[in-house]
Protein backbone atom coordinates (compact mmCIF):
# COMPACT_ATOMS: atom_id res chain seq x y z
CA MET A 1 0.15 0.01 0.33
CA LYS A 2 2.73 2.27 0.89
CA PHE A 3 4.96 1.29 -2.26
CA LEU A 4 1.35 3.21 -3.71
CA HIS A 5 0.89 6.12 -2.22
CA TRP A 6 4.60 6.90 -3.72
CA THR A 7 4.70 5.36 -6.64
CA PHE A 8 1.78 8.02 -6.72
CA GLY A 9 3.64 10.83 -5.62
CA LEU A 10 6.13 10.59 -7.85
CA LEU A 11 4.35 10.39 -10.61
CA LEU A 12 2.46 14.07 -9.20
CA ALA A 13 6.10 14.89 -8.53
CA GLY A 14 6.47 14.51 -11.86
CA MET A 15 3.65 15.70 -13.74
CA LEU A 16 4.27 18.77 -12.39
CA ALA A 17 7.72 19.24 -12.20
CA PHE A 18 7.03 19.03 -16.44
CA ALA A 19 3.46 21.01 -16.22
CA GLY A 20 5.58 24.38 -16.87
CA CYS A 21 7.98 23.41 -19.77
CA GLY A 22 6.43 23.52 -22.89
CA LYS A 23 7.24 25.70 -26.51
CA SER A 24 6.41 30.17 -25.35
CA GLU A 25 4.73 31.69 -27.56
CA GLY A 26 7.05 33.53 -29.05
CA PRO A 27 6.07 37.52 -31.24
CA ALA A 28 3.78 36.97 -34.26
CA PRO A 29 4.56 35.78 -37.21
CA ALA A 30 6.18 38.18 -39.72
CA GLY A 31 2.88 38.61 -42.01
CA VAL A 32 0.71 38.94 -39.13
CA SER A 33 0.53 42.46 -38.22
CA VAL A 34 -1.17 43.08 -34.60
CA GLN A 35 -2.74 46.79 -34.54
CA ALA A 36 -4.96 46.97 -31.27
CA ILE A 37 -7.58 50.77 -32.00
CA ASP A 38 -7.19 53.00 -30.48
CA ALA A 39 -10.52 54.38 -29.36
CA THR A 40 -10.27 56.53 -25.73
CA LYS A 41 -10.53 60.35 -27.84
CA LEU A 42 -14.26 58.62 -28.79
CA ARG A 43 -16.24 58.88 -25.21
CA PRO A 44 -15.02 61.57 -24.45
CA ALA A 45 -15.61 64.15 -27.33
CA PHE A 46 -19.13 62.75 -27.08
CA GLU A 47 -19.46 63.59 -23.76
CA ALA A 48 -22.07 66.45 -24.22
CA ALA A 49 -23.18 64.91 -26.77
CA SER A 50 -27.57 64.13 -27.12
CA PRO A 51 -28.78 60.69 -25.26
CA GLN A 52 -28.75 59.46 -29.02
CA THR A 53 -25.38 59.76 -30.20
CA LYS A 54 -24.42 58.62 -26.70
CA ALA A 55 -26.08 55.18 -27.45
CA ILE A 56 -24.27 54.77 -31.04
CA VAL A 57 -20.96 55.99 -29.24
CA ASP A 58 -21.54 53.52 -26.62
CA ASP A 59 -22.33 50.90 -29.70
CA VAL A 60 -19.59 51.63 -31.73
CA MET A 61 -17.68 51.29 -28.26
CA MET A 62 -18.58 46.93 -27.88
CA SER A 63 -18.65 46.67 -31.02
CA ILE A 64 -14.79 47.56 -30.94
CA GLN A 65 -14.28 45.60 -27.51
CA GLY A 66 -16.08 42.24 -29.23
CA SER A 67 -13.92 42.75 -32.85
CA ALA A 68 -16.65 43.60 -34.46
CA PHE A 69 -15.30 45.99 -36.53
CA GLU A 70 -17.32 45.88 -39.85
CA LYS A 71 -20.20 46.69 -37.43
CA ALA A 72 -18.39 49.60 -35.37
CA LEU A 73 -16.93 51.58 -39.01
CA ALA A 74 -21.24 51.02 -39.43
CA GLY A 75 -21.47 53.22 -36.29
CA SER A 76 -19.35 55.74 -36.73
CA ASP A 77 -20.75 55.92 -40.82
CA LYS A 78 -23.54 57.61 -38.61
CA LEU A 79 -22.03 59.42 -36.35
CA ALA A 80 -19.53 60.84 -38.68
CA GLY A 81 -23.33 61.55 -40.94
CA LEU A 82 -24.21 63.89 -37.71
CA PRO A 83 -25.62 67.21 -38.65
CA ASP A 84 -24.61 68.74 -34.70
CA LEU A 85 -20.93 67.40 -34.71
CA THR A 86 -18.22 69.65 -33.92
CA GLU A 87 -14.78 70.06 -35.52
CA ALA A 88 -13.30 68.43 -32.86
CA GLN A 89 -15.38 65.35 -33.03
CA LYS A 90 -15.52 64.80 -36.93
CA LYS A 91 -11.85 64.63 -36.21
CA VAL A 92 -12.36 62.54 -33.28
CA VAL A 93 -14.84 60.26 -35.60
CA ALA A 94 -12.46 59.85 -39.20
CA ASP A 95 -9.75 58.89 -36.63
CA LEU A 96 -11.45 56.35 -35.52
CA SER A 97 -12.63 54.97 -38.73
CA ALA A 98 -9.61 55.26 -40.07
CA GLN A 99 -7.89 53.00 -38.04
CA LEU A 100 -11.27 50.50 -38.44
CA LYS A 101 -10.89 50.24 -42.30
CA LYS A 102 -7.05 49.50 -42.09
CA LYS A 103 -7.94 46.92 -39.78
CA LEU A 104 -10.10 45.67 -41.52
CA ASP A 105 -7.98 45.49 -44.80
CA GLN A 106 -5.32 43.13 -42.96
């Protein structure tokens, strides 16, 4: 019985010792470009916007977080088409749209 416990203990210790051994993930392959979308300026630009506009901004942000970049681009296009945007808001939306288009072209 003790022999079985010792054998089991040694097997468990061996498995734990080698559990961390393995191939670590290196950098992304040369052909794959990993680019993050910077949407940090979107919400602050629309702080004083109407609730409907804020809902579109929230939808764009959630789409980006969920990697639904086509939906995010459609939302940013919807924002860009709003008639009452300030110049700062137009710039933020244009920058975000350019990032999304670049991401979709990869």
